[in-house]
């Protein structure tokens, strides 16, 4: 368990190690729910590791089809 303090606006930082392990980027949607006296944070569905949109992932990858096309275009494929 890791302890974090809230800032004046009620924000916390999710530790980098946890974000990396779960492929959470700056655009990743996070579900927030209240269960009794606990706040539960969870990654919302399967989201693209590059742009954070939910769904439309290329099978077997953490990347959406739009980002995959952009990468392929940049690589000349």
Protein backbone atom coordinates (compact mmCIF):
# COMPACT_ATOMS: atom_id res chain seq x y z
CA UNK A 1 0.00 0.00 0.00
CA UNK A 2 1.17 3.52 -0.82
CA UNK A 3 -0.05 6.63 1.01
CA UNK A 4 -0.57 9.92 -0.81
CA UNK A 5 -1.84 13.30 0.39
CA UNK A 6 -4.59 15.14 -1.45
CA UNK A 7 -3.67 18.56 -2.80
CA UNK A 8 -5.86 21.65 -2.29
CA UNK A 9 -8.05 20.66 -5.25
CA UNK A 10 -8.57 17.10 -3.99
CA UNK A 11 -6.14 15.48 -6.45
CA UNK A 12 -3.72 12.64 -5.90
CA UNK A 13 -0.95 11.22 -8.08
CA UNK A 14 -1.10 7.55 -9.00
CA UNK A 15 2.47 6.22 -8.62
CA UNK A 16 4.39 5.82 -11.90
CA UNK A 17 5.08 2.12 -11.22
CA UNK A 18 1.33 1.43 -11.03
CA UNK A 19 0.56 3.52 -14.13
CA UNK A 20 3.26 1.72 -16.09
CA UNK A 21 2.11 -1.74 -15.02
CA UNK A 22 -1.49 -0.97 -16.02
CA UNK A 23 -0.57 0.96 -19.21
CA UNK A 24 -2.23 4.11 -17.87
CA UNK A 25 -1.33 7.27 -19.78
CA UNK A 26 -2.44 10.89 -19.46
CA UNK A 27 -5.61 10.23 -21.52
CA UNK A 28 -6.66 6.94 -19.93
CA UNK A 29 -10.18 6.95 -18.51
CA UNK A 30 -10.34 5.99 -14.84
CA UNK A 31 -13.54 4.75 -13.19
CA UNK A 32 -14.13 6.12 -9.70
CA UNK A 33 -16.66 4.44 -7.45
CA UNK A 34 -17.60 4.57 -3.82
CA UNK A 35 -18.02 1.26 -1.96
CA UNK A 36 -18.90 1.82 1.67
CA UNK A 37 -16.10 3.96 3.04
CA UNK A 38 -13.66 3.16 0.20
CA UNK A 39 -12.95 4.99 -3.05
CA UNK A 40 -12.14 2.48 -5.79
CA UNK A 41 -10.13 3.59 -8.83
CA UNK A 42 -9.95 1.30 -11.84
CA UNK A 43 -8.91 1.52 -15.45
CA UNK A 44 -12.00 1.98 -17.57
CA UNK A 45 -12.20 -0.94 -19.99
CA UNK A 46 -9.39 -1.61 -22.43
CA UNK A 47 -7.86 1.68 -23.53
CA UNK A 48 -5.12 2.57 -26.00
CA UNK A 49 -1.72 2.91 -24.35
CA UNK A 50 -0.87 5.84 -26.64
CA UNK A 51 -4.01 7.98 -26.83
CA UNK A 52 -6.13 6.51 -24.01
CA UNK A 53 -9.35 5.94 -25.95
CA UNK A 54 -11.42 3.01 -24.75
CA UNK A 55 -12.01 0.09 -27.09
CA UNK A 56 -11.02 -0.45 -30.74
CA UNK A 57 -7.71 -2.06 -29.77
CA UNK A 58 -5.77 -4.02 -32.37
CA UNK A 59 -5.96 -7.64 -31.24
CA UNK A 60 -3.03 -8.67 -29.08
CA UNK A 61 -1.77 -5.10 -28.62
CA UNK A 62 -2.44 -2.20 -26.22
CA UNK A 63 -2.85 0.17 -29.23
CA UNK A 64 -6.05 1.32 -30.99
CA UNK A 65 -6.47 0.98 -34.75
CA UNK A 66 -6.08 4.75 -35.30
CA UNK A 67 -2.71 4.86 -33.50
CA UNK A 68 -1.63 1.65 -35.24
CA UNK A 69 -2.40 3.24 -38.64
CA UNK A 70 -0.46 6.40 -37.68
CA UNK A 71 2.54 4.30 -36.63
CA UNK A 72 2.38 2.26 -39.84
CA UNK A 73 2.17 5.47 -41.91
CA UNK A 74 5.21 6.93 -40.14
CA UNK A 75 7.13 3.73 -40.73
CA UNK A 76 6.11 3.74 -44.41
CA UNK A 77 4.09 0.53 -44.29
